[in-house]
């Protein structure tokens, strides 16, 4: 009886899917998920790195990616050898059910197969997202560690990297560099080390994920990297004209490693344009903000490409945007006059919602 035979094969196939998934592949992925729930070290990274330094694993060992790849391969082999759709003469589940003539059993088997791979994909994505979170925390660890290095090694120059705000002291960060400072190093130590580590990590990811998954993962990492950098910039950094040169080099280095895979990286192009706000003399800022006509309504300049609030908030991180007075920190005269000419309010007079300056929203704005 074809139906009876089909029911037996279906029962065996259900048991095999349950065993291979719940007793084998799923626990492996759950263990991998736990393996990469790693916090960065409590001590800052040793910067600048030595010439023979090994890249930091950033909390995600190469074995994680090897294991992900092997789970994927095992699942494909299981499907090919047991289900074997389209392989005539294979005497496997698909062919036996087709020959039995039981459409109901074949439909139930297809559903069981789909559920197995859907759950497998969900658990794999969960582990990979955990890895992404861990990488993000380690990226921040290196960037913040680079700030600490700059503060600890700047010597007397550190005194120029402070601005007083009442009794509060606001530190300028790694890009608040006085005129006349050396620009020999192509990148800041933190960014040099970070890009070195990310390139090493990419080599492992690339060997593990298929092209589409690699593109999605690395694009997500690109956005995390952008968000972390911009959050530090908009909250903690001030940028001088000399520091803008270093920042520009750092952004180019980060952009290059971010674009190793994926295609949704417009946020980096927007940031490159915004960096010109730190390199331009105050008397020329209006032109690059709204275009040569000087009309804010003309739809030109950085206002048009990056947005008004985006442009003004980034501009506010210039080291000369505010000056120290007897009443505390106040906007420079040129900043007051520029805002008046543009007919715009300073967004930083209120609370700046950093979520509005994420890579996701920056890209969405660029597509409108």
Protein backbone atom coordinates (compact mmCIF):
# COMPACT_ATOMS: atom_id res chain seq x y z
CA UNK A 1 0.00 0.00 0.00
CA UNK A 2 1.52 3.29 -1.16
CA UNK A 3 -0.06 5.43 1.56
CA UNK A 4 1.08 3.11 4.34
CA UNK A 5 4.60 3.07 2.98
CA UNK A 6 4.56 6.88 2.67
CA UNK A 7 3.44 7.24 6.30
CA UNK A 8 6.29 5.05 7.49
CA UNK A 9 8.85 7.02 5.48
CA UNK A 10 7.35 10.28 6.74
CA UNK A 11 7.60 9.10 10.35
CA UNK A 12 11.23 8.09 9.89
CA UNK A 13 12.01 11.40 8.18
CA UNK A 14 10.38 13.34 11.04
CA UNK A 15 12.49 11.43 13.55
CA UNK A 16 15.68 12.05 11.59
CA UNK A 17 14.93 15.78 11.31
CA UNK A 18 14.22 15.99 15.02
CA UNK A 19 17.40 14.16 15.94
CA UNK A 20 19.66 15.99 13.53
CA UNK A 21 18.22 19.37 14.48
CA UNK A 22 17.37 19.31 18.17
CA UNK A 23 19.98 16.79 19.30
CA UNK A 24 22.87 17.86 17.08
CA UNK A 25 22.89 21.08 15.05
CA UNK A 26 20.75 23.30 17.30
CA UNK A 27 22.85 22.66 20.44
CA UNK A 28 26.00 23.43 18.48
CA UNK A 29 24.61 26.78 17.38
CA UNK A 30 23.37 27.54 20.90
CA UNK A 31 26.84 26.78 22.26
CA UNK A 32 28.40 29.05 19.64
CA UNK A 33 26.00 31.81 20.64
CA UNK A 34 27.17 31.52 24.25
CA UNK A 35 30.81 31.30 23.19
CA UNK A 36 30.84 34.78 21.67
CA UNK A 37 29.09 36.56 24.53
CA UNK A 38 32.41 38.13 25.45
CA UNK A 39 33.08 41.51 27.04
CA UNK A 40 36.18 43.53 26.17
CA UNK A 41 39.14 43.50 28.58
CA UNK A 42 39.06 45.92 31.50
CA UNK A 43 42.43 47.34 30.50
CA UNK A 44 42.86 49.45 27.34
CA UNK A 45 44.63 47.96 24.31
CA UNK A 46 48.39 48.39 24.01
CA UNK A 47 48.79 51.17 21.48
CA UNK A 48 50.48 51.93 19.20
CA UNK A 49 50.83 48.33 18.11
CA UNK A 50 54.20 46.70 17.52
CA UNK A 51 55.25 45.78 14.00
CA UNK A 52 54.99 42.08 14.87
CA UNK A 53 51.72 42.40 16.78
CA UNK A 54 48.99 39.83 16.27
CA UNK A 55 45.48 41.12 15.49
CA UNK A 56 43.09 41.04 18.43
CA UNK A 57 40.27 38.54 17.92
CA UNK A 58 37.75 41.20 19.04
CA UNK A 59 35.94 38.62 21.13
CA UNK A 60 35.17 36.34 18.16
CA UNK A 61 37.65 33.55 17.56
CA UNK A 62 38.32 32.11 14.13
CA UNK A 63 36.89 28.83 15.39
CA UNK A 64 33.47 30.43 15.68
CA UNK A 65 33.35 31.11 11.96
CA UNK A 66 34.79 27.69 11.12
CA UNK A 67 32.04 26.10 13.23
CA UNK A 68 29.33 28.17 11.55
CA UNK A 69 30.58 27.02 8.15
CA UNK A 70 30.69 23.38 9.23
CA UNK A 71 27.14 23.51 10.60
CA UNK A 72 25.98 24.89 7.25
CA UNK A 73 27.88 22.18 5.38
CA UNK A 74 26.49 19.45 7.63
CA UNK A 75 22.93 20.67 7.08
CA UNK A 76 23.42 20.70 3.31
CA UNK A 77 24.88 17.20 3.35
CA UNK A 78 22.02 15.94 5.50
CA UNK A 79 19.49 17.38 3.06
CA UNK A 80 21.31 16.11 0.01
CA UNK A 81 21.72 12.55 1.31
CA UNK A 82 18.34 12.09 3.02
CA UNK A 83 15.86 14.27 1.10
CA UNK A 84 17.66 14.29 -2.26
CA UNK A 85 15.02 16.15 -4.24
CA UNK A 86 15.31 15.66 -7.98
CA UNK A 87 17.81 12.78 -7.76
CA UNK A 88 16.06 9.97 -9.60
CA UNK A 89 17.17 6.49 -8.64
CA UNK A 90 18.46 7.71 -5.28
CA UNK A 91 15.86 5.78 -3.23
CA UNK A 92 15.77 8.71 -0.80
CA UNK A 93 12.81 10.32 0.97
CA UNK A 94 11.69 12.65 -1.83
CA UNK A 95 11.73 9.95 -4.52
CA UNK A 96 10.02 7.34 -2.33
CA UNK A 97 7.22 9.75 -1.40
CA UNK A 98 6.73 10.83 -5.01
CA UNK A 99 6.54 7.20 -6.14
CA UNK A 100 4.08 6.39 -3.36
CA UNK A 101 1.56 8.80 -4.86
CA UNK A 102 0.72 10.21 -1.42
CA UNK A 103 0.45 13.94 -1.94
CA UNK A 104 -0.44 14.47 1.73
CA UNK A 105 2.70 12.73 3.02
CA UNK A 106 4.87 14.57 0.51
CA UNK A 107 3.37 17.89 1.60
CA UNK A 108 3.90 17.12 5.29
CA UNK A 109 7.50 16.07 4.61
CA UNK A 110 8.18 19.29 2.72
CA UNK A 111 6.75 21.28 5.65
CA UNK A 112 8.93 19.34 8.11
CA UNK A 113 12.00 19.99 6.00
CA UNK A 114 11.17 23.71 5.74
CA UNK A 115 10.67 24.01 9.49
CA UNK A 116 14.02 22.33 10.16
CA UNK A 117 15.93 24.74 8.00
CA UNK A 118 13.92 27.75 9.15
CA UNK A 119 14.77 27.01 12.78
CA UNK A 120 18.37 26.27 11.86
CA UNK A 121 18.61 29.61 10.06
CA UNK A 122 17.07 31.46 13.01
CA UNK A 123 19.54 29.96 15.49
CA UNK A 124 22.43 30.65 13.13
CA UNK A 125 21.36 34.27 12.73
CA UNK A 126 21.06 34.60 16.52
CA UNK A 127 24.64 33.40 16.99
CA UNK A 128 25.94 35.67 14.24
CA UNK A 129 24.09 38.70 15.68
CA UNK A 130 25.67 37.94 19.05
CA UNK A 131 29.04 37.93 17.31
CA UNK A 132 28.17 41.30 15.74
CA UNK A 133 27.34 42.72 19.18
CA UNK A 134 30.63 41.42 20.56
CA UNK A 135 32.61 42.90 17.69
CA UNK A 136 30.84 46.24 18.25
CA UNK A 137 31.80 46.30 21.93
CA UNK A 138 35.41 45.57 21.07
CA UNK A 139 35.44 48.26 18.38
CA UNK A 140 34.36 50.77 21.01
CA UNK A 141 36.97 49.39 23.42
CA UNK A 142 39.75 50.08 20.92
CA UNK A 143 38.50 53.55 19.97
CA UNK A 144 38.07 54.61 23.60
CA UNK A 145 41.43 53.07 24.41
CA UNK A 146 42.92 55.22 21.67
CA UNK A 147 41.48 58.31 23.34
CA UNK A 148 43.05 57.28 26.63
CA UNK A 149 46.38 56.79 24.88
CA UNK A 150 46.20 60.26 23.37
CA UNK A 151 45.46 61.73 26.79
CA UNK A 152 48.23 59.82 28.54
CA UNK A 153 50.99 60.54 26.01
CA UNK A 154 50.27 64.09 24.95
CA UNK A 155 52.46 65.63 27.65
CA UNK A 156 52.24 69.40 27.99
CA UNK A 157 50.17 69.53 24.81
CA UNK A 158 47.33 67.98 26.80
CA UNK A 159 46.78 71.34 28.48
CA UNK A 160 45.68 72.74 25.15
CA UNK A 161 43.22 69.88 24.69
CA UNK A 162 40.88 71.06 27.41
CA UNK A 163 38.06 73.53 27.42
CA UNK A 164 36.46 74.73 30.63
CA UNK A 165 32.69 74.81 30.87
CA UNK A 166 31.93 76.44 34.19
CA UNK A 167 33.57 74.07 36.66
CA UNK A 168 33.26 71.15 34.28
CA UNK A 169 36.24 70.24 32.09
CA UNK A 170 35.50 68.96 28.61
CA UNK A 171 38.30 67.02 26.96
CA UNK A 172 38.98 67.62 23.30
CA UNK A 173 39.70 64.05 22.28
CA UNK A 174 42.18 62.67 19.74
CA UNK A 175 41.33 65.18 17.00
CA UNK A 176 41.71 68.33 19.07
CA UNK A 177 45.26 68.88 17.87
CA UNK A 178 46.97 72.29 18.03
CA UNK A 179 48.46 73.92 14.95
CA UNK A 180 52.02 72.93 14.21
CA UNK A 181 51.63 69.34 15.41
CA UNK A 182 53.22 66.56 13.41
CA UNK A 183 51.12 64.79 10.79
CA UNK A 184 53.66 62.09 9.96
CA UNK A 185 51.54 59.14 11.10
CA UNK A 186 48.92 58.27 8.44
CA UNK A 187 46.33 57.28 11.06
CA UNK A 188 45.69 57.54 14.77
CA UNK A 189 47.04 54.49 16.67
CA UNK A 190 43.54 53.29 17.60
CA UNK A 191 42.23 53.35 14.03
CA UNK A 192 45.40 51.78 12.65
CA UNK A 193 45.05 48.89 15.11
CA UNK A 194 41.29 48.59 14.64
CA UNK A 195 41.47 48.32 10.86
CA UNK A 196 44.27 45.76 11.23
CA UNK A 197 42.05 43.65 13.50
CA UNK A 198 38.94 44.03 11.34
CA UNK A 199 40.77 42.93 8.19
CA UNK A 200 41.93 39.81 10.02
CA UNK A 201 38.36 39.18 11.21
CA UNK A 202 37.02 39.67 7.68
CA UNK A 203 39.26 36.87 6.36
CA UNK A 204 37.56 34.43 8.75
CA UNK A 205 34.05 35.71 8.05
CA UNK A 206 34.60 35.54 4.31
CA UNK A 207 35.52 31.85 4.50
CA UNK A 208 32.43 31.04 6.53
CA UNK A 209 29.48 32.86 5.01
CA UNK A 210 27.99 32.66 1.54
CA UNK A 211 28.20 35.84 -0.54
CA UNK A 212 24.73 37.14 0.35
CA UNK A 213 25.17 36.52 4.08
CA UNK A 214 28.65 38.03 4.03
CA UNK A 215 27.29 41.16 2.37
CA UNK A 216 24.51 41.52 4.96
CA UNK A 217 26.79 40.90 7.92
CA UNK A 218 29.59 43.22 6.83
CA UNK A 219 27.13 45.97 5.91
CA UNK A 220 25.66 45.70 9.41
CA UNK A 221 29.19 45.90 10.85
CA UNK A 222 29.91 48.94 8.66
CA UNK A 223 26.88 50.70 10.14
CA UNK A 224 27.84 49.75 13.70
CA UNK A 225 31.35 51.07 13.10
CA UNK A 226 29.97 54.33 11.74
CA UNK A 227 27.53 54.72 14.63
CA UNK A 228 30.24 54.14 17.24
CA UNK A 229 32.62 56.62 15.63
CA UNK A 230 29.98 59.32 15.17
CA UNK A 231 28.63 58.88 18.69
CA UNK A 232 32.13 59.44 20.07
CA UNK A 233 32.63 62.43 17.78
CA UNK A 234 29.32 64.12 18.57
CA UNK A 235 29.54 63.47 22.31
CA UNK A 236 33.21 63.64 23.21
CA UNK A 237 35.42 65.04 20.44
CA UNK A 238 36.32 68.51 19.29
CA UNK A 239 38.07 68.81 15.96
CA UNK A 240 40.73 71.36 15.14
CA UNK A 241 41.92 72.16 11.63
CA UNK A 242 45.01 69.98 12.06
CA UNK A 243 42.99 67.29 13.82
CA UNK A 244 40.58 67.26 10.87
CA UNK A 245 43.39 65.99 8.65
CA UNK A 246 43.96 63.04 10.99
CA UNK A 247 40.20 62.45 11.31
CA UNK A 248 39.84 62.46 7.53
CA UNK A 249 42.60 59.87 7.18
CA UNK A 250 40.99 57.75 9.88
CA UNK A 251 37.61 57.89 8.19
CA UNK A 252 39.18 56.84 4.89
CA UNK A 253 40.85 53.87 6.60
CA UNK A 254 37.63 52.82 8.35
CA UNK A 255 35.60 53.30 5.19
CA UNK A 256 38.02 51.09 3.24
CA UNK A 257 37.68 48.20 5.68
CA UNK A 258 33.91 48.74 5.98
CA UNK A 259 33.54 48.39 2.20
CA UNK A 260 35.28 45.01 1.97
CA UNK A 261 31.81 43.54 1.44
CA UNK A 262 28.25 44.81 1.08
CA UNK A 263 26.94 47.70 -0.95
CA UNK A 264 24.97 49.96 1.40
CA UNK A 265 27.76 52.25 2.60
CA UNK A 266 26.47 55.68 1.64
CA UNK A 267 26.82 56.83 5.26
CA UNK A 268 30.59 56.94 4.87
CA UNK A 269 30.31 59.16 1.80
CA UNK A 270 28.07 61.54 3.74
CA UNK A 271 30.58 61.63 6.59
CA UNK A 272 33.40 62.45 4.18
CA UNK A 273 31.48 65.51 3.07
CA UNK A 274 30.70 66.53 6.64
CA UNK A 275 34.41 66.46 7.49
CA UNK A 276 34.97 69.44 5.22
CA UNK A 277 33.21 71.48 7.91
CA UNK A 278 36.33 71.09 10.05
CA UNK A 279 38.81 72.03 7.33
CA UNK A 280 37.08 75.15 6.07
CA UNK A 281 37.78 78.67 7.44
CA UNK A 282 34.75 80.23 9.16
CA UNK A 283 34.30 82.85 6.43
CA UNK A 284 33.88 80.11 3.79
CA UNK A 285 31.52 77.85 5.72
CA UNK A 286 28.36 79.40 4.33
CA UNK A 287 29.41 78.58 0.78
CA UNK A 288 29.98 74.90 1.44
CA UNK A 289 26.83 74.64 3.56
CA UNK A 290 24.35 76.14 1.08
CA UNK A 291 26.25 76.56 -2.19
CA UNK A 292 27.94 79.52 -3.93
CA UNK A 293 24.70 81.49 -4.22
CA UNK A 294 24.48 81.67 -0.43
CA UNK A 295 20.78 80.79 -0.48
CA UNK A 296 19.71 78.20 2.13
CA UNK A 297 16.62 77.46 0.04
CA UNK A 298 18.57 76.71 -3.15
CA UNK A 299 18.91 73.01 -2.33
CA UNK A 300 22.66 73.00 -2.71
CA UNK A 301 25.72 72.42 -0.58
CA UNK A 302 26.06 70.11 2.40
CA UNK A 303 22.63 71.15 3.65
CA UNK A 304 21.11 69.47 0.60
CA UNK A 305 23.25 66.35 0.74
CA UNK A 306 23.49 65.71 4.49
CA UNK A 307 20.57 67.64 5.94
CA UNK A 308 20.46 70.91 7.87
CA UNK A 309 20.56 69.52 11.41
CA UNK A 310 23.17 66.94 10.47
CA UNK A 311 25.42 69.65 9.09
CA UNK A 312 24.98 72.05 12.01
CA UNK A 313 25.47 69.39 14.69
CA UNK A 314 28.67 68.17 13.08
CA UNK A 315 29.84 71.76 12.62
CA UNK A 316 29.35 72.36 16.35
CA UNK A 317 32.23 69.97 17.08
CA UNK A 318 34.73 72.41 15.60
CA UNK A 319 37.28 73.38 18.23
CA UNK A 320 36.64 77.06 17.51
CA UNK A 321 32.82 76.83 17.53
CA UNK A 322 32.81 77.94 21.16
CA UNK A 323 35.18 80.15 23.12
CA UNK A 324 35.81 80.57 26.82
CA UNK A 325 34.39 83.73 28.36
CA UNK A 326 33.88 85.03 31.89
CA UNK A 327 30.37 83.61 31.69
CA UNK A 328 31.61 80.17 30.59
CA UNK A 329 31.66 78.71 27.10
CA UNK A 330 29.83 80.72 24.46
CA UNK A 331 29.47 80.44 20.71
CA UNK A 332 32.14 82.20 18.72
CA UNK A 333 31.12 85.43 17.04
CA UNK A 334 31.48 83.86 13.61
CA UNK A 335 29.14 81.00 14.64
CA UNK A 336 26.48 83.42 15.90
CA UNK A 337 26.68 85.47 12.70
CA UNK A 338 26.64 82.42 10.43
CA UNK A 339 23.53 80.96 12.06
CA UNK A 340 21.82 84.35 11.76
CA UNK A 341 22.69 84.63 8.06
CA UNK A 342 21.40 81.12 7.45
CA UNK A 343 18.26 81.77 9.45
CA UNK A 344 18.80 78.57 11.40
CA UNK A 345 18.78 77.71 15.07
CA UNK A 346 21.63 75.76 16.60
CA UNK A 347 20.32 72.19 17.20
CA UNK A 348 22.90 71.74 19.97
CA UNK A 349 21.16 74.40 22.07
CA UNK A 350 18.82 71.57 23.00
CA UNK A 351 19.32 67.86 23.59
CA UNK A 352 20.86 66.12 20.58
CA UNK A 353 19.24 62.75 19.89
CA UNK A 354 22.16 60.67 18.64
CA UNK A 355 19.80 58.05 17.21
CA UNK A 356 18.93 60.57 14.47
CA UNK A 357 22.55 60.51 13.30
CA UNK A 358 22.82 56.75 12.84
CA UNK A 359 24.04 55.17 9.61
CA UNK A 360 20.56 53.79 8.96
CA UNK A 361 18.87 57.20 9.06
CA UNK A 362 21.78 58.89 7.28
CA UNK A 363 21.40 56.45 4.39
CA UNK A 364 17.62 56.87 4.33
CA UNK A 365 18.04 60.64 4.16
CA UNK A 366 20.52 60.25 1.31
CA UNK A 367 18.01 58.19 -0.72
CA UNK A 368 15.24 60.78 -0.42
